[in-house]
Amino acid sequence: MKPAWSVCDDGILLHIRLTPNARKSELGQITNIDDTAHALSARVTARPEKGKANTALIALLAKQFKRPKSSILLEKGHASRLKTVRIRVEGEAKSQLTRQLEAWPHERNPD
């Protein structure tokens, strides 16, 4: 199964399922998208028009992971709820972000 994130040469690729127009902006659990992939769930208060939700997502990620907004790039999914974001980071900061993502809570599967 495809994980919600992966390490690349210049940082981390993060797969996100975005819900715009939410009551509160927040990052949630890592959830199953389908039988083959996971994504980090995210909610933003911005509407999905003229890139406002994407901009809000980048601001939310920058705040959560303590990175400058300029280091976060939307790679795929500009007009989709499923997005791939590149967080450019190197060295010890990359290791720290990797550890943080490894400890991120996963959605519990019902038994």
PDB file of N, CA and C in Angstrom:
ATOM      1  N   MET A   1       0.837  -1.180   0.000  1.00  0.00           N
ATOM      2  CA  MET A   1       0.000   0.000   0.000  1.00  0.00           C
ATOM      3  C   MET A   1       0.884   1.247   0.000  1.00  0.00           C
ATOM      4  N   LYS A   2       0.531   2.220  -0.791  1.00  0.00           N
ATOM      5  CA  LYS A   2       1.288   3.457  -0.921  1.00  0.00           C
ATOM      6  C   LYS A   2       1.153   4.290   0.358  1.00  0.00           C
ATOM      7  N   PRO A   3       2.278   4.685   0.978  1.00  0.00           N
ATOM      8  CA  PRO A   3       2.205   5.483   2.205  1.00  0.00           C
ATOM      9  C   PRO A   3       1.749   6.913   1.926  1.00  0.00           C
ATOM     10  N   ALA A   4       1.446   7.639   2.980  1.00  0.00           N
ATOM     11  CA  ALA A   4       0.984   9.020   2.854  1.00  0.00           C
ATOM     12  C   ALA A   4       2.121   9.990   2.549  1.00  0.00           C
ATOM     13  N   TRP A   5       3.361   9.541   2.683  1.00  0.00           N
ATOM     14  CA  TRP A   5       4.502  10.413   2.412  1.00  0.00           C
ATOM     15  C   TRP A   5       5.694   9.571   1.985  1.00  0.00           C
ATOM     16  N   SER A   6       6.641  10.238   1.340  1.00  0.00           N
ATOM     17  CA  SER A   6       7.869   9.570   0.938  1.00  0.00           C
ATOM     18  C   SER A   6       9.011  10.588   0.940  1.00  0.00           C
ATOM     19  N   VAL A   7      10.211  10.077   1.141  1.00  0.00           N
ATOM     20  CA  VAL A   7      11.403  10.909   1.143  1.00  0.00           C
ATOM     21  C   VAL A   7      11.906  11.031  -0.292  1.00  0.00           C
ATOM     22  N   CYS A   8      12.286  12.237  -0.695  1.00  0.00           N
ATOM     23  CA  CYS A   8      12.886  12.458  -2.014  1.00  0.00           C
ATOM     24  C   CYS A   8      14.190  13.233  -1.821  1.00  0.00           C
ATOM     25  N   ASP A   9      14.912  13.468  -2.898  1.00  0.00           N
ATOM     26  CA  ASP A   9      16.228  14.110  -2.806  1.00  0.00           C
ATOM     27  C   ASP A   9      16.217  15.439  -2.055  1.00  0.00           C
ATOM     28  N   ASP A  10      15.230  16.273  -2.346  1.00  0.00           N
ATOM     29  CA  ASP A  10      15.230  17.614  -1.756  1.00  0.00           C
ATOM     30  C   ASP A  10      14.188  17.803  -0.655  1.00  0.00           C
ATOM     31  N   GLY A  11      13.635  16.693  -0.140  1.00  0.00           N
ATOM     32  CA  GLY A  11      12.673  16.852   0.940  1.00  0.00           C
ATOM     33  C   GLY A  11      11.726  15.675   1.084  1.00  0.00           C
ATOM     34  N   ILE A  12      10.451  16.019   1.308  1.00  0.00           N
ATOM     35  CA  ILE A  12       9.398  15.041   1.554  1.00  0.00           C
ATOM     36  C   ILE A  12       8.244  15.303   0.602  1.00  0.00           C
ATOM     37  N   LEU A  13       7.713  14.240   0.008  1.00  0.00           N
ATOM     38  CA  LEU A  13       6.474  14.327  -0.772  1.00  0.00           C
ATOM     39  C   LEU A  13       5.352  13.837   0.126  1.00  0.00           C
ATOM     40  N   LEU A  14       4.342  14.658   0.288  1.00  0.00           N
ATOM     41  CA  LEU A  14       3.247  14.365   1.198  1.00  0.00           C
ATOM     42  C   LEU A  14       1.946  14.301   0.408  1.00  0.00           C
ATOM     43  N   HIS A  15       1.199  13.210   0.574  1.00  0.00           N
ATOM     44  CA  HIS A  15      -0.085  13.036  -0.102  1.00  0.00           C
ATOM     45  C   HIS A  15      -1.178  13.476   0.869  1.00  0.00           C
ATOM     46  N   ILE A  16      -2.057  14.345   0.387  1.00  0.00           N
ATOM     47  CA  ILE A  16      -3.054  14.974   1.243  1.00  0.00           C
ATOM     48  C   ILE A  16      -4.438  14.867   0.620  1.00  0.00           C
ATOM     49  N   ARG A  17      -5.431  14.622   1.477  1.00  0.00           N
ATOM     50  CA  ARG A  17      -6.833  14.704   1.068  1.00  0.00           C
ATOM     51  C   ARG A  17      -7.383  15.947   1.746  1.00  0.00           C
ATOM     52  N   LEU A  18      -7.683  16.973   0.949  1.00  0.00           N
ATOM     53  CA  LEU A  18      -8.080  18.281   1.463  1.00  0.00           C
ATOM     54  C   LEU A  18      -9.597  18.453   1.451  1.00  0.00           C
ATOM     55  N   THR A  19     -10.112  18.952   2.555  1.00  0.00           N
ATOM     56  CA  THR A  19     -11.520  19.338   2.646  1.00  0.00           C
ATOM     57  C   THR A  19     -11.558  20.858   2.818  1.00  0.00           C
ATOM     58  N   PRO A  20     -11.992  21.586   1.782  1.00  0.00           N
ATOM     59  CA  PRO A  20     -12.083  23.040   1.896  1.00  0.00           C
ATOM     60  C   PRO A  20     -13.396  23.452   2.571  1.00  0.00           C
ATOM     61  N   ASN A  21     -13.526  24.728   2.886  1.00  0.00           N
ATOM     62  CA  ASN A  21     -14.754  25.302   3.425  1.00  0.00           C
ATOM     63  C   ASN A  21     -15.157  24.632   4.744  1.00  0.00           C
ATOM     64  N   ALA A  22     -14.180  24.271   5.555  1.00  0.00           N
ATOM     65  CA  ALA A  22     -14.420  23.620   6.843  1.00  0.00           C
ATOM     66  C   ALA A  22     -14.611  24.675   7.933  1.00  0.00           C
ATOM     67  N   ARG A  23     -15.092  24.245   9.073  1.00  0.00           N
ATOM     68  CA  ARG A  23     -15.267  25.164  10.207  1.00  0.00           C
ATOM     69  C   ARG A  23     -13.938  25.597  10.798  1.00  0.00           C
ATOM     70  N   LYS A  24     -12.949  24.695  10.715  1.00  0.00           N
ATOM     71  CA  LYS A  24     -11.656  24.939  11.349  1.00  0.00           C
ATOM     72  C   LYS A  24     -10.546  24.403  10.447  1.00  0.00           C
ATOM     73  N   SER A  25      -9.438  25.113  10.373  1.00  0.00           N
ATOM     74  CA  SER A  25      -8.282  24.620   9.626  1.00  0.00           C
ATOM     75  C   SER A  25      -7.460  23.725  10.536  1.00  0.00           C
ATOM     76  N   GLU A  26      -7.214  22.489  10.082  1.00  0.00           N
ATOM     77  CA  GLU A  26      -6.444  21.552  10.898  1.00  0.00           C
ATOM     78  C   GLU A  26      -5.987  20.365  10.063  1.00  0.00           C
ATOM     79  N   LEU A  27      -4.922  19.733  10.539  1.00  0.00           N
ATOM     80  CA  LEU A  27      -4.465  18.481   9.963  1.00  0.00           C
ATOM     81  C   LEU A  27      -5.062  17.356  10.787  1.00  0.00           C
ATOM     82  N   GLY A  28      -5.460  16.284  10.117  1.00  0.00           N
ATOM     83  CA  GLY A  28      -6.066  15.156  10.804  1.00  0.00           C
ATOM     84  C   GLY A  28      -5.170  13.937  10.767  1.00  0.00           C
ATOM     85  N   GLN A  29      -5.805  12.791  10.744  1.00  0.00           N
ATOM     86  CA  GLN A  29      -5.093  11.527  10.752  1.00  0.00           C
ATOM     87  C   GLN A  29      -4.696  11.124   9.339  1.00  0.00           C
ATOM     88  N   ILE A  30      -3.837  10.120   9.265  1.00  0.00           N
ATOM     89  CA  ILE A  30      -3.525   9.501   7.990  1.00  0.00           C
ATOM     90  C   ILE A  30      -4.634   8.487   7.732  1.00  0.00           C
ATOM     91  N   THR A  31      -5.279   8.618   6.589  1.00  0.00           N
ATOM     92  CA  THR A  31      -6.445   7.795   6.283  1.00  0.00           C
ATOM     93  C   THR A  31      -6.231   7.013   4.992  1.00  0.00           C
ATOM     94  N   ASN A  32      -7.036   5.983   4.813  1.00  0.00           N
ATOM     95  CA  ASN A  32      -7.037   5.227   3.555  1.00  0.00           C
ATOM     96  C   ASN A  32      -7.807   6.017   2.512  1.00  0.00           C
ATOM     97  N   ILE A  33      -7.208   6.176   1.347  1.00  0.00           N
ATOM     98  CA  ILE A  33      -7.923   6.783   0.231  1.00  0.00           C
ATOM     99  C   ILE A  33      -8.716   5.697  -0.492  1.00  0.00           C
ATOM    100  N   ASP A  34      -8.029   4.606  -0.722  1.00  0.00           N
ATOM    101  CA  ASP A  34      -8.643   3.437  -1.343  1.00  0.00           C
ATOM    102  C   ASP A  34      -7.815   2.228  -0.916  1.00  0.00           C
ATOM    103  N   ASP A  35      -7.937   1.132  -1.602  1.00  0.00           N
ATOM    104  CA  ASP A  35      -7.213  -0.078  -1.217  1.00  0.00           C
ATOM    105  C   ASP A  35      -5.711  -0.007  -1.475  1.00  0.00           C
ATOM    106  N   THR A  36      -5.263   1.038  -2.180  1.00  0.00           N
ATOM    107  CA  THR A  36      -3.855   1.083  -2.553  1.00  0.00           C
ATOM    108  C   THR A  36      -3.080   2.295  -2.037  1.00  0.00           C
ATOM    109  N   ALA A  37      -3.734   3.224  -1.336  1.00  0.00           N
ATOM    110  CA  ALA A  37      -3.024   4.445  -0.954  1.00  0.00           C
ATOM    111  C   ALA A  37      -3.554   5.054   0.342  1.00  0.00           C
ATOM    112  N   HIS A  38      -2.683   5.833   0.982  1.00  0.00           N
ATOM    113  CA  HIS A  38      -3.008   6.603   2.176  1.00  0.00           C
ATOM    114  C   HIS A  38      -2.786   8.085   1.885  1.00  0.00           C
ATOM    115  N   ALA A  39      -3.426   8.938   2.692  1.00  0.00           N
ATOM    116  CA  ALA A  39      -3.200  10.385   2.609  1.00  0.00           C
ATOM    117  C   ALA A  39      -3.414  11.003   3.972  1.00  0.00           C
ATOM    118  N   LEU A  40      -2.744  12.099   4.209  1.00  0.00           N
ATOM    119  CA  LEU A  40      -2.954  12.883   5.415  1.00  0.00           C
ATOM    120  C   LEU A  40      -4.201  13.729   5.190  1.00  0.00           C
ATOM    121  N   SER A  41      -5.162  13.643   6.083  1.00  0.00           N
ATOM    122  CA  SER A  41      -6.364  14.453   5.912  1.00  0.00           C
ATOM    123  C   SER A  41      -6.088  15.874   6.414  1.00  0.00           C
ATOM    124  N   ALA A  42      -6.637  16.840   5.699  1.00  0.00           N
ATOM    125  CA  ALA A  42      -6.474  18.243   6.066  1.00  0.00           C
ATOM    126  C   ALA A  42      -7.781  18.980   5.793  1.00  0.00           C
ATOM    127  N   ARG A  43      -8.059  19.955   6.639  1.00  0.00           N
ATOM    128  CA  ARG A  43      -9.238  20.796   6.470  1.00  0.00           C
ATOM    129  C   ARG A  43      -8.780  22.247   6.521  1.00  0.00           C
ATOM    130  N   VAL A  44      -9.371  23.070   5.645  1.00  0.00           N
ATOM    131  CA  VAL A  44      -9.101  24.506   5.672  1.00  0.00           C
ATOM    132  C   VAL A  44     -10.427  25.253   5.581  1.00  0.00           C
ATOM    133  N   THR A  45     -10.458  26.441   6.151  1.00  0.00           N
ATOM    134  CA  THR A  45     -11.676  27.235   6.139  1.00  0.00           C
ATOM    135  C   THR A  45     -11.899  27.932   4.797  1.00  0.00           C
ATOM    136  N   ALA A  46     -10.868  28.041   3.998  1.00  0.00           N
ATOM    137  CA  ALA A  46     -10.955  28.739   2.714  1.00  0.00           C
ATOM    138  C   ALA A  46     -11.833  27.972   1.726  1.00  0.00           C
ATOM    139  N   ARG A  47     -12.463  28.723   0.839  1.00  0.00           N
ATOM    140  CA  ARG A  47     -13.287  28.129  -0.222  1.00  0.00           C
ATOM    141  C   ARG A  47     -12.385  27.638  -1.357  1.00  0.00           C
ATOM    142  N   PRO A  48     -12.853  26.649  -2.089  1.00  0.00           N
ATOM    143  CA  PRO A  48     -12.042  26.123  -3.203  1.00  0.00           C
ATOM    144  C   PRO A  48     -12.205  26.947  -4.476  1.00  0.00           C
ATOM    145  N   GLU A  49     -11.865  28.206  -4.407  1.00  0.00           N
ATOM    146  CA  GLU A  49     -11.977  29.069  -5.580  1.00  0.00           C
ATOM    147  C   GLU A  49     -10.716  29.918  -5.729  1.00  0.00           C
ATOM    148  N   LYS A  50     -10.265  30.035  -6.951  1.00  0.00           N
ATOM    149  CA  LYS A  50      -9.096  30.851  -7.279  1.00  0.00           C
ATOM    150  C   LYS A  50      -7.855  30.506  -6.459  1.00  0.00           C
ATOM    151  N   GLY A  51      -7.710  29.221  -6.091  1.00  0.00           N
ATOM    152  CA  GLY A  51      -6.524  28.773  -5.381  1.00  0.00           C
ATOM    153  C   GLY A  51      -6.483  29.109  -3.900  1.00  0.00           C
ATOM    154  N   LYS A  52      -7.579  29.637  -3.358  1.00  0.00           N
ATOM    155  CA  LYS A  52      -7.591  30.044  -1.945  1.00  0.00           C
ATOM    156  C   LYS A  52      -7.390  28.860  -1.003  1.00  0.00           C
ATOM    157  N   ALA A  53      -8.032  27.726  -1.292  1.00  0.00           N
ATOM    158  CA  ALA A  53      -7.879  26.548  -0.428  1.00  0.00           C
ATOM    159  C   ALA A  53      -6.445  26.019  -0.498  1.00  0.00           C
ATOM    160  N   ASN A  54      -5.841  26.035  -1.678  1.00  0.00           N
ATOM    161  CA  ASN A  54      -4.448  25.580  -1.818  1.00  0.00           C
ATOM    162  C   ASN A  54      -3.497  26.484  -1.035  1.00  0.00           C
ATOM    163  N   THR A  55      -3.724  27.776  -1.107  1.00  0.00           N
ATOM    164  CA  THR A  55      -2.901  28.728  -0.357  1.00  0.00           C
ATOM    165  C   THR A  55      -3.055  28.505   1.141  1.00  0.00           C
ATOM    166  N   ALA A  56      -4.287  28.260   1.580  1.00  0.00           N
ATOM    167  CA  ALA A  56      -4.537  28.005   2.995  1.00  0.00           C
ATOM    168  C   ALA A  56      -3.871  26.701   3.446  1.00  0.00           C
ATOM    169  N   LEU A  57      -3.875  25.693   2.572  1.00  0.00           N
ATOM    170  CA  LEU A  57      -3.218  24.427   2.893  1.00  0.00           C
ATOM    171  C   LEU A  57      -1.719  24.640   3.084  1.00  0.00           C
ATOM    172  N   ILE A  58      -1.095  25.376   2.212  1.00  0.00           N
ATOM    173  CA  ILE A  58       0.341  25.645   2.323  1.00  0.00           C
ATOM    174  C   ILE A  58       0.638  26.390   3.623  1.00  0.00           C
ATOM    175  N   ALA A  59      -0.194  27.354   3.982  1.00  0.00           N
ATOM    176  CA  ALA A  59       0.000  28.090   5.238  1.00  0.00           C
ATOM    177  C   ALA A  59      -0.154  27.153   6.436  1.00  0.00           C
ATOM    178  N   LEU A  60      -1.130  26.255   6.384  1.00  0.00           N
ATOM    179  CA  LEU A  60      -1.350  25.301   7.473  1.00  0.00           C
ATOM    180  C   LEU A  60      -0.160  24.361   7.631  1.00  0.00           C
ATOM    181  N   LEU A  61       0.348  23.843   6.528  1.00  0.00           N
ATOM    182  CA  LEU A  61       1.510  22.950   6.578  1.00  0.00           C
ATOM    183  C   LEU A  61       2.744  23.687   7.087  1.00  0.00           C
ATOM    184  N   ALA A  62       2.939  24.919   6.637  1.00  0.00           N
ATOM    185  CA  ALA A  62       4.089  25.719   7.082  1.00  0.00           C
ATOM    186  C   ALA A  62       4.045  25.923   8.594  1.00  0.00           C
ATOM    187  N   LYS A  63       2.880  26.217   9.114  1.00  0.00           N
ATOM    188  CA  LYS A  63       2.731  26.423  10.551  1.00  0.00           C
ATOM    189  C   LYS A  63       2.955  25.122  11.316  1.00  0.00           C
ATOM    190  N   GLN A  64       2.331  24.031  10.852  1.00  0.00           N
ATOM    191  CA  GLN A  64       2.419  22.746  11.549  1.00  0.00           C
ATOM    192  C   GLN A  64       3.849  22.212  11.593  1.00  0.00           C
ATOM    193  N   PHE A  65       4.538  22.297  10.465  1.00  0.00           N
ATOM    194  CA  PHE A  65       5.872  21.711  10.365  1.00  0.00           C
ATOM    195  C   PHE A  65       6.991  22.728  10.548  1.00  0.00           C
ATOM    196  N   LYS A  66       6.634  23.958  10.909  1.00  0.00           N
ATOM    197  CA  LYS A  66       7.601  25.024  11.188  1.00  0.00           C
ATOM    198  C   LYS A  66       8.590  25.209  10.032  1.00  0.00           C
ATOM    199  N   ARG A  67       8.022  25.378   8.846  1.00  0.00           N
ATOM    200  CA  ARG A  67       8.798  25.591   7.633  1.00  0.00           C
ATOM    201  C   ARG A  67       8.320  26.886   6.979  1.00  0.00           C
ATOM    202  N   PRO A  68       9.165  27.570   6.229  1.00  0.00           N
ATOM    203  CA  PRO A  68       8.690  28.749   5.502  1.00  0.00           C
ATOM    204  C   PRO A  68       7.727  28.331   4.381  1.00  0.00           C
ATOM    205  N   LYS A  69       6.741  29.165   4.117  1.00  0.00           N
ATOM    206  CA  LYS A  69       5.769  28.863   3.057  1.00  0.00           C
ATOM    207  C   LYS A  69       6.472  28.639   1.719  1.00  0.00           C
ATOM    208  N   SER A  70       7.562  29.334   1.495  1.00  0.00           N
ATOM    209  CA  SER A  70       8.280  29.209   0.224  1.00  0.00           C
ATOM    210  C   SER A  70       8.907  27.833   0.028  1.00  0.00           C
ATOM    211  N   SER A  71       9.030  27.041   1.101  1.00  0.00           N
ATOM    212  CA  SER A  71       9.619  25.703   0.988  1.00  0.00           C
ATOM    213  C   SER A  71       8.564  24.634   0.696  1.00  0.00           C
ATOM    214  N   ILE A  72       7.305  25.037   0.592  1.00  0.00           N
ATOM    215  CA  ILE A  72       6.208  24.089   0.375  1.00  0.00           C
ATOM    216  C   ILE A  72       5.592  24.345  -0.990  1.00  0.00           C
ATOM    217  N   LEU A  73       5.624  23.324  -1.840  1.00  0.00           N
ATOM    218  CA  LEU A  73       5.145  23.453  -3.217  1.00  0.00           C
ATOM    219  C   LEU A  73       4.037  22.453  -3.500  1.00  0.00           C
ATOM    220  N   LEU A  74       2.965  22.918  -4.125  1.00  0.00           N
ATOM    221  CA  LEU A  74       1.900  22.024  -4.549  1.00  0.00           C
ATOM    222  C   LEU A  74       2.319  21.399  -5.872  1.00  0.00           C
ATOM    223  N   GLU A  75       2.602  20.096  -5.857  1.00  0.00           N
ATOM    224  CA  GLU A  75       3.089  19.389  -7.040  1.00  0.00           C
ATOM    225  C   GLU A  75       1.956  18.914  -7.947  1.00  0.00           C
ATOM    226  N   LYS A  76       0.922  18.309  -7.346  1.00  0.00           N
ATOM    227  CA  LYS A  76      -0.198  17.742  -8.101  1.00  0.00           C
ATOM    228  C   LYS A  76      -1.499  18.037  -7.377  1.00  0.00           C
ATOM    229  N   GLY A  77      -2.582  18.106  -8.154  1.00  0.00           N
ATOM    230  CA  GLY A  77      -3.905  18.223  -7.569  1.00  0.00           C
ATOM    231  C   GLY A  77      -4.380  19.640  -7.343  1.00  0.00           C
ATOM    232  N   HIS A  78      -3.990  20.560  -8.201  1.00  0.00           N
ATOM    233  CA  HIS A  78      -4.379  21.964  -8.025  1.00  0.00           C
ATOM    234  C   HIS A  78      -5.897  22.132  -7.948  1.00  0.00           C
ATOM    235  N   ALA A  79      -6.656  21.333  -8.695  1.00  0.00           N
ATOM    236  CA  ALA A  79      -8.117  21.444  -8.709  1.00  0.00           C
ATOM    237  C   ALA A  79      -8.787  20.185  -8.166  1.00  0.00           C
ATOM    238  N   SER A  80      -8.065  19.412  -7.386  1.00  0.00           N
ATOM    239  CA  SER A  80      -8.567  18.149  -6.853  1.00  0.00           C
ATOM    240  C   SER A  80      -8.471  18.165  -5.332  1.00  0.00           C
ATOM    241  N   ARG A  81      -9.245  17.316  -4.685  1.00  0.00           N
ATOM    242  CA  ARG A  81      -9.120  17.173  -3.229  1.00  0.00           C
ATOM    243  C   ARG A  81      -7.871  16.372  -2.863  1.00  0.00           C
ATOM    244  N   LEU A  82      -7.428  15.507  -3.761  1.00  0.00           N
ATOM    245  CA  LEU A  82      -6.215  14.724  -3.524  1.00  0.00           C
ATOM    246  C   LEU A  82      -5.024  15.491  -4.074  1.00  0.00           C
ATOM    247  N   LYS A  83      -4.074  15.767  -3.207  1.00  0.00           N
ATOM    248  CA  LYS A  83      -2.948  16.618  -3.581  1.00  0.00           C
ATOM    249  C   LYS A  83      -1.627  15.952  -3.205  1.00  0.00           C
ATOM    250  N   THR A  84      -0.585  16.311  -3.924  1.00  0.00           N
ATOM    251  CA  THR A  84       0.772  15.933  -3.568  1.00  0.00           C
ATOM    252  C   THR A  84       1.542  17.228  -3.346  1.00  0.00           C
ATOM    253  N   VAL A  85       2.132  17.342  -2.160  1.00  0.00           N
ATOM    254  CA  VAL A  85       2.856  18.540  -1.770  1.00  0.00           C
ATOM    255  C   VAL A  85       4.305  18.163  -1.506  1.00  0.00           C
ATOM    256  N   ARG A  86       5.218  18.983  -1.996  1.00  0.00           N
ATOM    257  CA  ARG A  86       6.647  18.799  -1.733  1.00  0.00           C
ATOM    258  C   ARG A  86       7.053  19.790  -0.642  1.00  0.00           C
ATOM    259  N   ILE A  87       7.631  19.257   0.416  1.00  0.00           N
ATOM    260  CA  ILE A  87       8.191  20.102   1.473  1.00  0.00           C
ATOM    261  C   ILE A  87       9.706  20.021   1.315  1.00  0.00           C
ATOM    262  N   ARG A  88      10.303  21.109   0.854  1.00  0.00           N
ATOM    263  CA  ARG A  88      11.750  21.127   0.648  1.00  0.00           C
ATOM    264  C   ARG A  88      12.446  21.319   1.985  1.00  0.00           C
ATOM    265  N   VAL A  89      13.276  20.328   2.311  1.00  0.00           N
ATOM    266  CA  VAL A  89      13.987  20.348   3.588  1.00  0.00           C
ATOM    267  C   VAL A  89      15.209  19.446   3.462  1.00  0.00           C
ATOM    268  N   GLU A  90      16.285  19.779   4.160  1.00  0.00           N
ATOM    269  CA  GLU A  90      17.520  19.003   4.067  1.00  0.00           C
ATOM    270  C   GLU A  90      18.098  18.732   5.450  1.00  0.00           C
ATOM    271  N   GLY A  91      19.050  17.820   5.490  1.00  0.00           N
ATOM    272  CA  GLY A  91      19.830  17.555   6.695  1.00  0.00           C
ATOM    273  C   GLY A  91      19.017  17.099   7.883  1.00  0.00           C
ATOM    274  N   GLU A  92      19.360  17.642   9.043  1.00  0.00           N
ATOM    275  CA  GLU A  92      18.705  17.251  10.291  1.00  0.00           C
ATOM    276  C   GLU A  92      17.220  17.608  10.279  1.00  0.00           C
ATOM    277  N   ALA A  93      16.861  18.710   9.643  1.00  0.00           N
ATOM    278  CA  ALA A  93      15.449  19.093   9.563  1.00  0.00           C
ATOM    279  C   ALA A  93      14.642  18.041   8.794  1.00  0.00           C
ATOM    280  N   LYS A  94      15.255  17.433   7.795  1.00  0.00           N
ATOM    281  CA  LYS A  94      14.600  16.361   7.036  1.00  0.00           C
ATOM    282  C   LYS A  94      14.378  15.136   7.916  1.00  0.00           C
ATOM    283  N   SER A  95      15.384  14.788   8.695  1.00  0.00           N
ATOM    284  CA  SER A  95      15.259  13.661   9.623  1.00  0.00           C
ATOM    285  C   SER A  95      14.191  13.933  10.672  1.00  0.00           C
ATOM    286  N   GLN A  96      14.149  15.149  11.170  1.00  0.00           N
ATOM    287  CA  GLN A  96      13.161  15.524  12.180  1.00  0.00           C
ATOM    288  C   GLN A  96      11.750  15.448  11.601  1.00  0.00           C
ATOM    289  N   LEU A  97      11.550  15.953  10.397  1.00  0.00           N
ATOM    290  CA  LEU A  97      10.237  15.894   9.750  1.00  0.00           C
ATOM    291  C   LEU A  97       9.832  14.446   9.474  1.00  0.00           C
ATOM    292  N   THR A  98      10.778  13.621   9.076  1.00  0.00           N
ATOM    293  CA  THR A  98      10.506  12.204   8.840  1.00  0.00           C
ATOM    294  C   THR A  98      10.038  11.531  10.125  1.00  0.00           C
ATOM    295  N   ARG A  99      10.718  11.795  11.238  1.00  0.00           N
ATOM    296  CA  ARG A  99      10.305  11.218  12.523  1.00  0.00           C
ATOM    297  C   ARG A  99       8.915  11.694  12.926  1.00  0.00           C
ATOM    298  N   GLN A 100       8.643  12.959  12.682  1.00  0.00           N
ATOM    299  CA  GLN A 100       7.326  13.515  13.017  1.00  0.00           C
ATOM    300  C   GLN A 100       6.222  12.825  12.206  1.00  0.00           C
ATOM    301  N   LEU A 101       6.465  12.597  10.936  1.00  0.00           N
ATOM    302  CA  LEU A 101       5.468  11.933  10.094  1.00  0.00           C
ATOM    303  C   LEU A 101       5.317  10.453  10.458  1.00  0.00           C
ATOM    304  N   GLU A 102       6.414   9.799  10.829  1.00  0.00           N
ATOM    305  CA  GLU A 102       6.328   8.393  11.241  1.00  0.00           C
ATOM    306  C   GLU A 102       5.459   8.232  12.481  1.00  0.00           C
ATOM    307  N   ALA A 103       5.437   9.236  13.345  1.00  0.00           N
ATOM    308  CA  ALA A 103       4.659   9.177  14.578  1.00  0.00           C
ATOM    309  C   ALA A 103       3.230   9.707  14.403  1.00  0.00           C
ATOM    310  N   TRP A 104       2.900  10.170  13.201  1.00  0.00           N
ATOM    311  CA  TRP A 104       1.584  10.772  12.968  1.00  0.00           C
ATOM    312  C   TRP A 104       0.486   9.725  13.165  1.00  0.00           C
ATOM    313  N   PRO A 105      -0.626  10.111  13.793  1.00  0.00           N
ATOM    314  CA  PRO A 105      -1.691   9.122  14.044  1.00  0.00           C
ATOM    315  C   PRO A 105      -2.374   8.647  12.760  1.00  0.00           C
ATOM    316  N   HIS A 106      -2.694   7.374  12.745  1.00  0.00           N
ATOM    317  CA  HIS A 106      -3.414   6.748  11.639  1.00  0.00           C
ATOM    318  C   HIS A 106      -4.855   6.503  12.047  1.00  0.00           C
ATOM    319  N   GLU A 107      -5.713   6.565  11.071  1.00  0.00           N
ATOM    320  CA  GLU A 107      -7.113   6.223  11.297  1.00  0.00           C
ATOM    321  C   GLU A 107      -7.208   4.767  11.702  1.00  0.00           C
ATOM    322  N   ARG A 108      -7.990   4.489  12.681  1.00  0.00           N
ATOM    323  CA  ARG A 108      -8.174   3.097  13.108  1.00  0.00           C
ATOM    324  C   ARG A 108      -9.123   2.388  12.159  1.00  0.00           C
ATOM    325  N   ASN A 109      -8.746   1.178  11.784  1.00  0.00           N
ATOM    326  CA  ASN A 109      -9.618   0.374  10.939  1.00  0.00           C
ATOM    327  C   ASN A 109     -10.611  -0.352  11.818  1.00  0.00           C
ATOM    328  N   PRO A 110     -11.904  -0.277  11.495  1.00  0.00           N
ATOM    329  CA  PRO A 110     -12.880  -0.987  12.314  1.00  0.00           C
ATOM    330  C   PRO A 110     -12.691  -2.489  12.187  1.00  0.00           C
ATOM    331  N   ASP A 111     -12.830  -3.196  13.305  1.00  0.00           N
ATOM    332  CA  ASP A 111     -12.671  -4.648  13.306  1.00  0.00           C
ATOM    333  C   ASP A 111     -13.951  -5.341  12.935  1.00  0.00           C
TER     334      ASP A 111
END
